[in-house]
């Protein structure tokens, strides 16, 4: 796909939003608009900075415009937007979270969640096969929950989840363990003994951030992944590469998630 965005807007252009708080860091306005163009679809994505207290009113408001076809959802709205959908995929229903909403023929919203599928696909693109592996995942938020579910469904041997929000972490661990597909446990910031170490937290976006885990215990045989897109190479990924680890970045994940979201927004099941 070309990196050049040559957008011609008209009254016939179909409109999509990406909603978050904050929103300045997201890549989707250009990336998804570009993907629409590559498929010959006259559509665009605009950013919307909406605080949680105003989210429901904002969705109700944009729903009045007949040319608004979709909403991409980012932090911190993925759980709240699930509640604003009339229908969702089974995957989103299990997770109680969505990252994409598509306008149905009756005007209501249908939601799905692609963060996990995109993350696992990006891992595989970069040589990280989760099947049969012992995995530590940091983060049990919207993206982390989806990634955890996709890892379990991809056949990991064991999954440990660490999150500072112990209530959220416990709820996710218990629900995933209930699937009976593999052992799911409470993890820590110690990556020792794991085959794969995956960061689904925002820790690493700011230069002043600490590492999200104990990087001294990362070893060369591990695969290390991260959801963060800016900076392109987080301190965690840089440290893992310095030790000879296989890695994947947030940009790798974004490319895969973008394609899944575009498929969905254009009407594919």
C-alpha atoms as a PDB file:
ATOM      1  CA  UNK A   1       0.000   0.000   0.000  1.00  0.00           C
ATOM      2  CA  UNK A   2       1.324   3.461  -0.885  1.00  0.00           C
ATOM      3  CA  UNK A   3       2.305   5.809   1.925  1.00  0.00           C
ATOM      4  CA  UNK A   4       0.767   8.736   0.026  1.00  0.00           C
ATOM      5  CA  UNK A   5      -2.685   9.953   1.013  1.00  0.00           C
ATOM      6  CA  UNK A   6      -4.437  11.643  -1.921  1.00  0.00           C
ATOM      7  CA  UNK A   7      -7.905  12.252  -0.598  1.00  0.00           C
ATOM      8  CA  UNK A   8     -10.623  13.898  -2.677  1.00  0.00           C
ATOM      9  CA  UNK A   9     -13.599  14.779  -0.531  1.00  0.00           C
ATOM     10  CA  UNK A  10     -17.113  15.320  -1.814  1.00  0.00           C
ATOM     11  CA  UNK A  11     -20.646  15.219  -0.527  1.00  0.00           C
ATOM     12  CA  UNK A  12     -20.735  11.533  -1.433  1.00  0.00           C
ATOM     13  CA  UNK A  13     -17.755  10.604   0.790  1.00  0.00           C
ATOM     14  CA  UNK A  14     -18.717   8.127   3.501  1.00  0.00           C
ATOM     15  CA  UNK A  15     -17.613   9.223   6.969  1.00  0.00           C
ATOM     16  CA  UNK A  16     -16.100   7.173   9.791  1.00  0.00           C
ATOM     17  CA  UNK A  17     -14.716   8.335  13.127  1.00  0.00           C
ATOM     18  CA  UNK A  18     -12.090   7.087  15.525  1.00  0.00           C
ATOM     19  CA  UNK A  19     -13.023   8.054  19.078  1.00  0.00           C
ATOM     20  CA  UNK A  20     -10.711   8.194  22.067  1.00  0.00           C
ATOM     21  CA  UNK A  21      -9.440  10.233  25.002  1.00  0.00           C
ATOM     22  CA  UNK A  22      -6.725  11.304  24.151  1.00  0.00           C
ATOM     23  CA  UNK A  23      -6.743  10.961  20.366  1.00  0.00           C
ATOM     24  CA  UNK A  24      -3.671  12.796  19.003  1.00  0.00           C
ATOM     25  CA  UNK A  25      -1.503   9.647  19.077  1.00  0.00           C
ATOM     26  CA  UNK A  26      -3.647   7.446  16.824  1.00  0.00           C
ATOM     27  CA  UNK A  27      -2.641   6.368  13.312  1.00  0.00           C
ATOM     28  CA  UNK A  28      -6.056   5.268  12.051  1.00  0.00           C
ATOM     29  CA  UNK A  29      -7.267   8.486  10.368  1.00  0.00           C
ATOM     30  CA  UNK A  30      -4.602   8.248   7.671  1.00  0.00           C
ATOM     31  CA  UNK A  31      -4.055   4.490   7.747  1.00  0.00           C
ATOM     32  CA  UNK A  32      -7.681   3.419   7.422  1.00  0.00           C
ATOM     33  CA  UNK A  33      -8.551   6.200   4.976  1.00  0.00           C
ATOM     34  CA  UNK A  34      -5.652   4.995   2.851  1.00  0.00           C
ATOM     35  CA  UNK A  35      -6.924   1.421   3.049  1.00  0.00           C
ATOM     36  CA  UNK A  36     -10.381   2.551   1.907  1.00  0.00           C
ATOM     37  CA  UNK A  37      -8.783   4.329  -1.045  1.00  0.00           C
ATOM     38  CA  UNK A  38      -6.729   1.268  -1.970  1.00  0.00           C
ATOM     39  CA  UNK A  39      -9.987  -0.673  -2.266  1.00  0.00           C
ATOM     40  CA  UNK A  40     -11.654   1.980  -4.376  1.00  0.00           C
ATOM     41  CA  UNK A  41     -14.036   3.057  -1.612  1.00  0.00           C
ATOM     42  CA  UNK A  42     -14.872   6.767  -1.242  1.00  0.00           C
ATOM     43  CA  UNK A  43     -14.563   7.036   2.544  1.00  0.00           C
ATOM     44  CA  UNK A  44     -12.546   8.793   5.225  1.00  0.00           C
ATOM     45  CA  UNK A  45     -11.759   8.534   8.936  1.00  0.00           C
ATOM     46  CA  UNK A  46     -11.747  11.596  11.222  1.00  0.00           C
ATOM     47  CA  UNK A  47     -10.489  11.729  14.827  1.00  0.00           C
ATOM     48  CA  UNK A  48     -12.902  12.569  17.652  1.00  0.00           C
ATOM     49  CA  UNK A  49     -11.594  13.491  21.109  1.00  0.00           C
ATOM     50  CA  UNK A  50     -14.452  12.606  23.458  1.00  0.00           C
ATOM     51  CA  UNK A  51     -14.226  12.218  27.259  1.00  0.00           C
ATOM     52  CA  UNK A  52     -15.960   9.200  28.855  1.00  0.00           C
ATOM     53  CA  UNK A  53     -18.770  11.259  30.389  1.00  0.00           C
ATOM     54  CA  UNK A  54     -19.797  12.519  26.932  1.00  0.00           C
ATOM     55  CA  UNK A  55     -19.343   9.288  24.964  1.00  0.00           C
ATOM     56  CA  UNK A  56     -22.961   8.083  24.876  1.00  0.00           C
ATOM     57  CA  UNK A  57     -24.228  11.515  23.878  1.00  0.00           C
ATOM     58  CA  UNK A  58     -21.564  11.773  21.155  1.00  0.00           C
ATOM     59  CA  UNK A  59     -22.464   8.379  19.659  1.00  0.00           C
ATOM     60  CA  UNK A  60     -26.141   9.340  19.728  1.00  0.00           C
ATOM     61  CA  UNK A  61     -25.283  12.597  17.980  1.00  0.00           C
ATOM     62  CA  UNK A  62     -23.152  11.190  15.150  1.00  0.00           C
ATOM     63  CA  UNK A  63     -25.775   8.495  14.619  1.00  0.00           C
ATOM     64  CA  UNK A  64     -28.112  11.210  13.338  1.00  0.00           C
ATOM     65  CA  UNK A  65     -25.924  11.701  10.261  1.00  0.00           C
ATOM     66  CA  UNK A  66     -26.944   9.239   7.553  1.00  0.00           C
ATOM     67  CA  UNK A  67     -23.501   9.322   5.918  1.00  0.00           C
ATOM     68  CA  UNK A  68     -21.653   8.085   9.033  1.00  0.00           C
ATOM     69  CA  UNK A  69     -20.996   4.387   8.474  1.00  0.00           C
ATOM     70  CA  UNK A  70     -18.566   3.398  11.204  1.00  0.00           C
ATOM     71  CA  UNK A  71     -16.738   4.163  14.426  1.00  0.00           C
ATOM     72  CA  UNK A  72     -13.292   2.893  15.365  1.00  0.00           C
ATOM     73  CA  UNK A  73     -12.831   2.805  19.122  1.00  0.00           C
ATOM     74  CA  UNK A  74      -9.660   3.371  21.102  1.00  0.00           C
ATOM     75  CA  UNK A  75      -8.631   3.957  24.733  1.00  0.00           C
ATOM     76  CA  UNK A  76     -10.533   4.288  27.043  1.00  0.00           C
ATOM     77  CA  UNK A  77     -13.841   3.619  25.292  1.00  0.00           C
ATOM     78  CA  UNK A  78     -13.669  -0.030  24.192  1.00  0.00           C
ATOM     79  CA  UNK A  79     -15.704  -1.403  27.091  1.00  0.00           C
ATOM     80  CA  UNK A  80     -18.203   1.482  27.093  1.00  0.00           C
ATOM     81  CA  UNK A  81     -18.824   1.240  23.353  1.00  0.00           C
ATOM     82  CA  UNK A  82     -19.720  -2.426  23.733  1.00  0.00           C
ATOM     83  CA  UNK A  83     -22.699  -1.272  25.769  1.00  0.00           C
ATOM     84  CA  UNK A  84     -23.708   1.138  22.994  1.00  0.00           C
ATOM     85  CA  UNK A  85     -23.915  -1.604  20.352  1.00  0.00           C
ATOM     86  CA  UNK A  86     -27.254  -3.235  19.563  1.00  0.00           C
ATOM     87  CA  UNK A  87     -25.473  -6.399  18.369  1.00  0.00           C
ATOM     88  CA  UNK A  88     -21.908  -7.736  18.433  1.00  0.00           C
ATOM     89  CA  UNK A  89     -19.838 -10.697  17.307  1.00  0.00           C
ATOM     90  CA  UNK A  90     -19.533 -13.664  19.663  1.00  0.00           C
ATOM     91  CA  UNK A  91     -15.909 -12.675  20.278  1.00  0.00           C
ATOM     92  CA  UNK A  92     -16.880  -9.158  21.373  1.00  0.00           C
ATOM     93  CA  UNK A  93     -19.711 -10.540  23.494  1.00  0.00           C
ATOM     94  CA  UNK A  94     -17.278 -12.797  25.370  1.00  0.00           C
ATOM     95  CA  UNK A  95     -14.872  -9.905  25.951  1.00  0.00           C
ATOM     96  CA  UNK A  96     -17.537  -7.220  26.585  1.00  0.00           C
ATOM     97  CA  UNK A  97     -15.414  -4.888  24.457  1.00  0.00           C
ATOM     98  CA  UNK A  98     -15.300  -3.612  20.864  1.00  0.00           C
ATOM     99  CA  UNK A  99     -12.816  -1.676  18.764  1.00  0.00           C
ATOM    100  CA  UNK A 100     -14.978  -1.236  15.640  1.00  0.00           C
ATOM    101  CA  UNK A 101     -18.649  -0.382  15.163  1.00  0.00           C
ATOM    102  CA  UNK A 102     -20.504  -0.715  11.853  1.00  0.00           C
ATOM    103  CA  UNK A 103     -23.860   0.880  11.045  1.00  0.00           C
ATOM    104  CA  UNK A 104     -26.474  -1.767  10.340  1.00  0.00           C
ATOM    105  CA  UNK A 105     -29.249  -1.357   7.782  1.00  0.00           C
ATOM    106  CA  UNK A 106     -31.675  -0.393  10.559  1.00  0.00           C
ATOM    107  CA  UNK A 107     -29.350   2.365  11.792  1.00  0.00           C
ATOM    108  CA  UNK A 108     -28.213   0.568  14.922  1.00  0.00           C
ATOM    109  CA  UNK A 109     -24.603  -0.326  15.673  1.00  0.00           C
ATOM    110  CA  UNK A 110     -22.949  -3.749  15.310  1.00  0.00           C
ATOM    111  CA  UNK A 111     -19.584  -4.175  17.032  1.00  0.00           C
ATOM    112  CA  UNK A 112     -16.562  -6.447  16.850  1.00  0.00           C
ATOM    113  CA  UNK A 113     -13.073  -6.614  18.367  1.00  0.00           C
ATOM    114  CA  UNK A 114      -9.973  -7.154  16.214  1.00  0.00           C
ATOM    115  CA  UNK A 115      -7.078  -6.195  18.490  1.00  0.00           C
ATOM    116  CA  UNK A 116      -6.393  -9.793  19.469  1.00  0.00           C
ATOM    117  CA  UNK A 117      -6.661 -11.296  16.000  1.00  0.00           C
ATOM    118  CA  UNK A 118      -4.446  -8.559  14.577  1.00  0.00           C
ATOM    119  CA  UNK A 119      -1.857  -8.912  17.325  1.00  0.00           C
ATOM    120  CA  UNK A 120      -1.541 -12.688  16.894  1.00  0.00           C
ATOM    121  CA  UNK A 121      -1.337 -12.321  13.107  1.00  0.00           C
ATOM    122  CA  UNK A 122       1.445  -9.751  13.521  1.00  0.00           C
ATOM    123  CA  UNK A 123       3.305 -12.067  15.893  1.00  0.00           C
ATOM    124  CA  UNK A 124       3.201 -14.823  13.296  1.00  0.00           C
ATOM    125  CA  UNK A 125       4.338 -12.404  10.569  1.00  0.00           C
ATOM    126  CA  UNK A 126       7.444 -11.769  12.659  1.00  0.00           C
ATOM    127  CA  UNK A 127       8.246 -15.376  13.538  1.00  0.00           C
ATOM    128  CA  UNK A 128       6.348 -15.578  16.829  1.00  0.00           C
ATOM    129  CA  UNK A 129       4.111 -18.666  16.785  1.00  0.00           C
ATOM    130  CA  UNK A 130       2.059 -18.783  20.013  1.00  0.00           C
ATOM    131  CA  UNK A 131       0.854 -22.373  19.745  1.00  0.00           C
ATOM    132  CA  UNK A 132       2.382 -24.508  22.488  1.00  0.00           C
ATOM    133  CA  UNK A 133       4.182 -21.581  24.122  1.00  0.00           C
ATOM    134  CA  UNK A 134       4.249 -20.309  27.699  1.00  0.00           C
ATOM    135  CA  UNK A 135       3.190 -16.650  27.484  1.00  0.00           C
ATOM    136  CA  UNK A 136       3.275 -13.649  29.842  1.00  0.00           C
ATOM    137  CA  UNK A 137       0.872 -10.837  28.902  1.00  0.00           C
ATOM    138  CA  UNK A 138       1.008  -7.431  30.569  1.00  0.00           C
ATOM    139  CA  UNK A 139      -2.292  -5.566  30.451  1.00  0.00           C
ATOM    140  CA  UNK A 140      -5.904  -6.627  30.910  1.00  0.00           C
ATOM    141  CA  UNK A 141      -7.627  -3.618  29.363  1.00  0.00           C
ATOM    142  CA  UNK A 142      -9.552  -3.596  26.106  1.00  0.00           C
ATOM    143  CA  UNK A 143      -6.627  -4.530  23.873  1.00  0.00           C
ATOM    144  CA  UNK A 144      -5.074  -6.817  26.483  1.00  0.00           C
ATOM    145  CA  UNK A 145      -8.330  -8.724  26.975  1.00  0.00           C
ATOM    146  CA  UNK A 146      -8.693  -9.276  23.246  1.00  0.00           C
ATOM    147  CA  UNK A 147      -5.062 -10.356  22.881  1.00  0.00           C
ATOM    148  CA  UNK A 148      -5.416 -12.749  25.820  1.00  0.00           C
ATOM    149  CA  UNK A 149      -8.506 -14.344  24.264  1.00  0.00           C
ATOM    150  CA  UNK A 150      -6.827 -14.722  20.866  1.00  0.00           C
ATOM    151  CA  UNK A 151      -3.734 -16.276  22.473  1.00  0.00           C
ATOM    152  CA  UNK A 152      -5.872 -18.849  24.244  1.00  0.00           C
ATOM    153  CA  UNK A 153      -7.759 -19.604  21.044  1.00  0.00           C
ATOM    154  CA  UNK A 154      -4.422 -19.875  19.167  1.00  0.00           C
ATOM    155  CA  UNK A 155      -3.371 -22.751  21.405  1.00  0.00           C
ATOM    156  CA  UNK A 156      -0.848 -21.373  23.884  1.00  0.00           C
ATOM    157  CA  UNK A 157       0.312 -23.940  26.434  1.00  0.00           C
ATOM    158  CA  UNK A 158      -0.056 -21.535  29.345  1.00  0.00           C
ATOM    159  CA  UNK A 159      -1.001 -17.870  29.768  1.00  0.00           C
ATOM    160  CA  UNK A 160      -0.123 -15.608  32.710  1.00  0.00           C
ATOM    161  CA  UNK A 161      -1.648 -12.113  32.874  1.00  0.00           C
ATOM    162  CA  UNK A 162      -0.300  -9.167  34.867  1.00  0.00           C
ATOM    163  CA  UNK A 163      -2.186  -5.905  35.415  1.00  0.00           C
ATOM    164  CA  UNK A 164      -1.984  -3.329  38.204  1.00  0.00           C
ATOM    165  CA  UNK A 165      -5.792  -3.348  38.292  1.00  0.00           C
ATOM    166  CA  UNK A 166      -6.179  -6.621  40.182  1.00  0.00           C
ATOM    167  CA  UNK A 167      -9.984  -6.672  39.904  1.00  0.00           C
ATOM    168  CA  UNK A 168      -9.840  -6.378  36.131  1.00  0.00           C
ATOM    169  CA  UNK A 169      -7.019  -8.922  35.908  1.00  0.00           C
ATOM    170  CA  UNK A 170      -8.825 -11.459  38.103  1.00  0.00           C
ATOM    171  CA  UNK A 171     -12.035 -11.143  36.088  1.00  0.00           C
ATOM    172  CA  UNK A 172     -10.162 -11.786  32.832  1.00  0.00           C
ATOM    173  CA  UNK A 173      -8.129 -14.693  34.225  1.00  0.00           C
ATOM    174  CA  UNK A 174     -11.254 -16.379  35.589  1.00  0.00           C
ATOM    175  CA  UNK A 175     -13.239 -15.977  32.367  1.00  0.00           C
ATOM    176  CA  UNK A 176     -10.437 -17.275  30.155  1.00  0.00           C
ATOM    177  CA  UNK A 177      -9.699 -20.180  32.500  1.00  0.00           C
ATOM    178  CA  UNK A 178     -13.375 -21.074  32.243  1.00  0.00           C
ATOM    179  CA  UNK A 179     -12.912 -21.851  28.560  1.00  0.00           C
ATOM    180  CA  UNK A 180     -10.888 -24.899  29.588  1.00  0.00           C
ATOM    181  CA  UNK A 181      -8.419 -24.576  26.718  1.00  0.00           C
ATOM    182  CA  UNK A 182      -5.222 -24.009  28.731  1.00  0.00           C
ATOM    183  CA  UNK A 183      -4.076 -22.970  32.214  1.00  0.00           C
ATOM    184  CA  UNK A 184      -4.568 -19.221  32.770  1.00  0.00           C
ATOM    185  CA  UNK A 185      -2.918 -17.671  35.819  1.00  0.00           C
ATOM    186  CA  UNK A 186      -2.020 -14.403  37.534  1.00  0.00           C
ATOM    187  CA  UNK A 187       1.368 -13.169  36.361  1.00  0.00           C
ATOM    188  CA  UNK A 188       3.865 -10.578  37.556  1.00  0.00           C
ATOM    189  CA  UNK A 189       6.453  -8.226  36.055  1.00  0.00           C
ATOM    190  CA  UNK A 190       8.993 -11.066  36.105  1.00  0.00           C
ATOM    191  CA  UNK A 191       9.326 -12.596  32.610  1.00  0.00           C
ATOM    192  CA  UNK A 192      11.614 -15.395  33.736  1.00  0.00           C
ATOM    193  CA  UNK A 193      10.651 -18.814  32.376  1.00  0.00           C
ATOM    194  CA  UNK A 194       8.331 -17.599  29.612  1.00  0.00           C
ATOM    195  CA  UNK A 195       8.703 -18.192  25.878  1.00  0.00           C
ATOM    196  CA  UNK A 196       6.846 -15.022  24.939  1.00  0.00           C
ATOM    197  CA  UNK A 197       6.505 -11.679  26.732  1.00  0.00           C
ATOM    198  CA  UNK A 198       3.857  -9.275  25.409  1.00  0.00           C
ATOM    199  CA  UNK A 199       3.101  -5.713  26.477  1.00  0.00           C
ATOM    200  CA  UNK A 200      -0.514  -4.580  26.028  1.00  0.00           C
ATOM    201  CA  UNK A 201      -0.185  -1.555  28.337  1.00  0.00           C
ATOM    202  CA  UNK A 202       0.589   2.096  27.431  1.00  0.00           C
ATOM    203  CA  UNK A 203       3.767   1.948  29.536  1.00  0.00           C
ATOM    204  CA  UNK A 204       6.539   3.006  27.193  1.00  0.00           C
ATOM    205  CA  UNK A 205       4.702   5.760  25.307  1.00  0.00           C
ATOM    206  CA  UNK A 206       6.390   8.495  27.355  1.00  0.00           C
ATOM    207  CA  UNK A 207      10.156   8.971  27.591  1.00  0.00           C
ATOM    208  CA  UNK A 208       9.822   9.104  31.379  1.00  0.00           C
ATOM    209  CA  UNK A 209       8.020   5.742  31.624  1.00  0.00           C
ATOM    210  CA  UNK A 210       9.679   2.826  33.401  1.00  0.00           C
ATOM    211  CA  UNK A 211       9.875  -0.542  31.679  1.00  0.00           C
ATOM    212  CA  UNK A 212       6.584  -2.466  31.992  1.00  0.00           C
ATOM    213  CA  UNK A 213       8.525  -5.496  33.301  1.00  0.00           C
ATOM    214  CA  UNK A 214      11.930  -6.584  34.587  1.00  0.00           C
ATOM    215  CA  UNK A 215      13.991  -6.364  31.379  1.00  0.00           C
ATOM    216  CA  UNK A 216      17.063  -7.805  33.118  1.00  0.00           C
ATOM    217  CA  UNK A 217      15.292 -11.169  33.060  1.00  0.00           C
ATOM    218  CA  UNK A 218      14.613 -11.164  29.326  1.00  0.00           C
ATOM    219  CA  UNK A 219      16.716 -13.781  27.542  1.00  0.00           C
ATOM    220  CA  UNK A 220      17.618 -14.255  23.881  1.00  0.00           C
ATOM    221  CA  UNK A 221      15.218 -17.159  23.327  1.00  0.00           C
ATOM    222  CA  UNK A 222      12.137 -15.099  24.135  1.00  0.00           C
ATOM    223  CA  UNK A 223       9.788 -13.429  21.672  1.00  0.00           C
ATOM    224  CA  UNK A 224       8.804  -9.912  22.794  1.00  0.00           C
ATOM    225  CA  UNK A 225       5.846  -7.939  21.445  1.00  0.00           C
ATOM    226  CA  UNK A 226       4.311  -4.524  22.166  1.00  0.00           C
ATOM    227  CA  UNK A 227       1.084  -2.732  21.201  1.00  0.00           C
ATOM    228  CA  UNK A 228       2.534   0.804  21.300  1.00  0.00           C
ATOM    229  CA  UNK A 229       2.820   2.610  17.951  1.00  0.00           C
ATOM    230  CA  UNK A 230       4.580   5.785  19.128  1.00  0.00           C
ATOM    231  CA  UNK A 231       7.465   5.669  19.669  1.00  0.00           C
ATOM    232  CA  UNK A 232       7.906   3.148  16.840  1.00  0.00           C
ATOM    233  CA  UNK A 233      10.550   1.287  18.852  1.00  0.00           C
ATOM    234  CA  UNK A 234       9.749   1.358  22.553  1.00  0.00           C
ATOM    235  CA  UNK A 235      12.458   0.949  25.200  1.00  0.00           C
ATOM    236  CA  UNK A 236      11.142  -2.579  25.829  1.00  0.00           C
ATOM    237  CA  UNK A 237      11.514  -3.578  22.168  1.00  0.00           C
ATOM    238  CA  UNK A 238      14.954  -1.940  21.980  1.00  0.00           C
ATOM    239  CA  UNK A 239      16.095  -3.836  25.070  1.00  0.00           C
ATOM    240  CA  UNK A 240      14.724  -7.122  23.702  1.00  0.00           C
ATOM    241  CA  UNK A 241      16.467  -6.631  20.349  1.00  0.00           C
ATOM    242  CA  UNK A 242      19.731  -5.842  22.146  1.00  0.00           C
ATOM    243  CA  UNK A 243      19.467  -9.287  23.736  1.00  0.00           C
ATOM    244  CA  UNK A 244      18.788 -10.986  20.405  1.00  0.00           C
ATOM    245  CA  UNK A 245      15.061 -11.594  20.881  1.00  0.00           C
ATOM    246  CA  UNK A 246      12.560 -11.855  18.094  1.00  0.00           C
ATOM    247  CA  UNK A 247      10.160  -8.901  18.317  1.00  0.00           C
ATOM    248  CA  UNK A 248       7.029  -7.293  16.934  1.00  0.00           C
ATOM    249  CA  UNK A 249       5.975  -3.659  17.285  1.00  0.00           C
ATOM    250  CA  UNK A 250       2.725  -1.762  17.542  1.00  0.00           C
ATOM    251  CA  UNK A 251       3.086  -0.775  13.892  1.00  0.00           C
ATOM    252  CA  UNK A 252       3.068  -4.449  12.913  1.00  0.00           C
ATOM    253  CA  UNK A 253      -0.101  -4.946  14.953  1.00  0.00           C
ATOM    254  CA  UNK A 254      -1.742  -1.800  13.571  1.00  0.00           C
ATOM    255  CA  UNK A 255      -1.287  -2.929   9.963  1.00  0.00           C
ATOM    256  CA  UNK A 256      -3.023  -6.235  10.670  1.00  0.00           C
ATOM    257  CA  UNK A 257      -5.798  -4.721  12.792  1.00  0.00           C
ATOM    258  CA  UNK A 258      -6.382  -2.032  10.159  1.00  0.00           C
ATOM    259  CA  UNK A 259      -7.034  -4.610   7.453  1.00  0.00           C
ATOM    260  CA  UNK A 260      -9.468  -6.521   9.682  1.00  0.00           C
ATOM    261  CA  UNK A 261     -11.305  -3.314  10.602  1.00  0.00           C
ATOM    262  CA  UNK A 262     -11.611  -2.244   6.962  1.00  0.00           C
ATOM    263  CA  UNK A 263     -12.995  -5.644   5.980  1.00  0.00           C
ATOM    264  CA  UNK A 264     -15.582  -5.295   8.749  1.00  0.00           C
ATOM    265  CA  UNK A 265     -16.492  -1.680   7.943  1.00  0.00           C
ATOM    266  CA  UNK A 266     -17.006  -2.617   4.304  1.00  0.00           C
ATOM    267  CA  UNK A 267     -19.539  -5.222   5.325  1.00  0.00           C
ATOM    268  CA  UNK A 268     -17.656  -8.507   5.605  1.00  0.00           C
ATOM    269  CA  UNK A 269     -18.873 -10.759   8.456  1.00  0.00           C
END
